[in-house]
Amino acid sequence: MNVNLFTVDGHTYTANDEILACRASELLQRHYPGYVWAVNVNSEEKGGVMTIKNFSVSSTWGMVLHIAKLDNKLKKVVRAGGELLERAGLIRGRGKGEKSNKVDGIPDKFQMSEYVRRQN
């Protein structure tokens, strides 16, 4: 049975996309609790991608993984989540509500500290 879920952006997401996103999100929450994780899976885009974001780091920037390159235990998902935390200067493990102002690999003009300065 193939169930399609439609969203505002025009992409068709399958139930498999939703299941994979839930598995990845639960895995990240188990390995790195205390952080707010967001996982999106789109099997239509570029041969299938998973986007991982951590809202303690950024609501715009995150990690993109190719679905075809994931293993059954989703080890690359855990590794990507940990790398995102490290790039933001946050600890791998239980988060304590801290937020990041600078993330390695994000251009300076998009850093949170730059954004906050421009708003004030």
Protein backbone atom coordinates (compact mmCIF):
# COMPACT_ATOMS: atom_id res chain seq x y z
CA MET A 1 0.00 0.00 0.00
CA ASN A 2 1.37 3.42 -0.93
CA VAL A 3 0.07 6.40 1.03
CA ASN A 4 0.95 9.88 -0.20
CA LEU A 5 0.85 12.92 2.06
CA PHE A 6 0.68 16.31 0.35
CA THR A 7 2.06 19.52 1.81
CA VAL A 8 1.92 23.20 1.00
CA ASP A 9 5.26 23.23 -0.83
CA GLY A 10 3.96 20.90 -3.56
CA HIS A 11 6.14 17.91 -2.77
CA THR A 12 4.57 14.51 -2.29
CA TYR A 13 5.81 12.84 0.86
CA THR A 14 5.26 9.13 1.30
CA ALA A 15 4.54 7.28 4.51
CA ASN A 16 8.07 5.86 4.22
CA ASP A 17 9.46 9.40 4.32
CA GLU A 18 7.52 10.10 7.51
CA ILE A 19 8.59 6.83 9.13
CA LEU A 20 12.26 7.44 8.32
CA ALA A 21 12.04 11.02 9.64
CA CYS A 22 10.46 9.77 12.89
CA ARG A 23 13.11 7.07 13.33
CA ALA A 24 15.93 9.58 12.79
CA SER A 25 14.35 12.15 15.11
CA GLU A 26 13.85 9.60 17.89
CA LEU A 27 17.44 8.40 17.48
CA LEU A 28 18.82 11.94 17.73
CA GLN A 29 16.66 12.65 20.78
CA ARG A 30 17.91 9.46 22.45
CA HIS A 31 21.61 10.21 21.76
CA TYR A 32 21.44 13.97 22.31
CA PRO A 33 18.50 14.71 24.65
CA GLY A 34 17.67 18.25 25.70
CA TYR A 35 18.03 19.66 22.19
CA VAL A 36 15.21 20.45 19.78
CA TRP A 37 15.73 18.33 16.67
CA ALA A 38 13.87 18.66 13.37
CA VAL A 39 14.18 16.01 10.67
CA ASN A 40 12.65 16.15 7.21
CA VAL A 41 12.84 13.42 4.59
CA ASN A 42 12.06 14.09 0.95
CA SER A 43 12.53 11.10 -1.33
CA GLU A 44 11.69 13.20 -4.41
CA GLU A 45 14.44 15.78 -4.07
CA LYS A 46 17.90 15.02 -5.56
CA GLY A 47 17.43 11.28 -5.35
CA GLY A 48 16.23 11.42 -1.76
CA VAL A 49 17.57 13.58 1.06
CA MET A 50 17.22 13.89 4.81
CA THR A 51 17.62 17.30 6.39
CA ILE A 52 18.63 17.48 10.06
CA LYS A 53 18.33 20.73 12.01
CA ASN A 54 18.82 21.59 15.63
CA PHE A 55 16.87 24.68 16.70
CA SER A 56 19.41 25.38 19.46
CA VAL A 57 21.87 25.92 16.61
CA SER A 58 19.83 27.38 13.73
CA SER A 59 16.38 27.16 12.22
CA THR A 60 17.86 27.76 8.77
CA TRP A 61 21.10 25.78 8.62
CA GLY A 62 21.57 22.06 9.18
CA MET A 63 22.96 18.86 7.73
CA VAL A 64 21.79 17.15 4.53
CA LEU A 65 22.25 13.40 4.07
CA HIS A 66 21.51 11.29 0.99
CA ILE A 67 18.98 8.59 1.84
CA ALA A 68 20.66 6.04 -0.43
CA LYS A 69 23.87 6.32 1.63
CA LEU A 70 22.21 5.64 5.02
CA ASP A 71 22.71 2.34 6.81
CA ASN A 72 19.90 0.43 8.57
CA LYS A 73 20.96 1.60 12.04
CA LEU A 74 21.20 5.24 10.88
CA LYS A 75 24.72 5.68 12.29
CA LYS A 76 25.36 8.54 9.85
CA VAL A 77 22.35 10.38 11.29
CA VAL A 78 23.79 10.19 14.82
CA ARG A 79 27.22 11.24 13.53
CA ALA A 80 25.75 14.19 11.59
CA GLY A 81 23.78 15.34 14.65
CA GLY A 82 26.89 15.18 16.80
CA GLU A 83 28.93 17.06 14.20
CA LEU A 84 26.29 19.78 14.05
CA LEU A 85 26.49 20.18 17.84
CA GLU A 86 30.30 20.31 17.78
CA ARG A 87 30.36 22.90 14.99
CA ALA A 88 28.11 25.04 17.17
CA GLY A 89 30.34 24.62 20.23
CA LEU A 90 27.69 22.56 22.06
CA ILE A 91 28.35 19.29 23.84
CA ARG A 92 27.51 15.89 22.41
CA GLY A 93 25.18 14.44 24.99
CA ARG A 94 22.43 16.01 27.09
CA GLY A 95 21.71 19.62 26.23
CA LYS A 96 21.09 22.10 29.03
CA GLY A 97 19.11 24.69 27.07
CA GLU A 98 22.14 26.59 25.80
CA LYS A 99 22.09 28.18 22.37
CA SER A 100 24.88 28.75 19.92
CA ASN A 101 25.85 32.15 18.51
CA LYS A 102 28.53 30.97 16.08
CA VAL A 103 28.64 27.81 13.99
CA ASP A 104 31.71 26.63 12.06
CA GLY A 105 30.93 26.33 8.36
CA ILE A 106 28.19 28.98 8.25
CA PRO A 107 29.16 32.25 6.53
CA ASP A 108 29.69 35.13 8.97
CA LYS A 109 26.80 37.17 7.60
CA PHE A 110 24.42 34.33 8.60
CA GLN A 111 25.78 33.77 12.10
CA MET A 112 23.29 34.29 14.92
CA SER A 113 25.49 36.92 16.59
CA GLU A 114 25.56 38.95 13.34
CA TYR A 115 21.80 38.65 12.99
CA VAL A 116 21.21 39.79 16.57
CA ARG A 117 23.56 42.78 16.10
CA ARG A 118 21.72 43.89 12.96
CA GLN A 119 18.37 43.70 14.74
CA ASN A 120 19.50 46.01 17.57
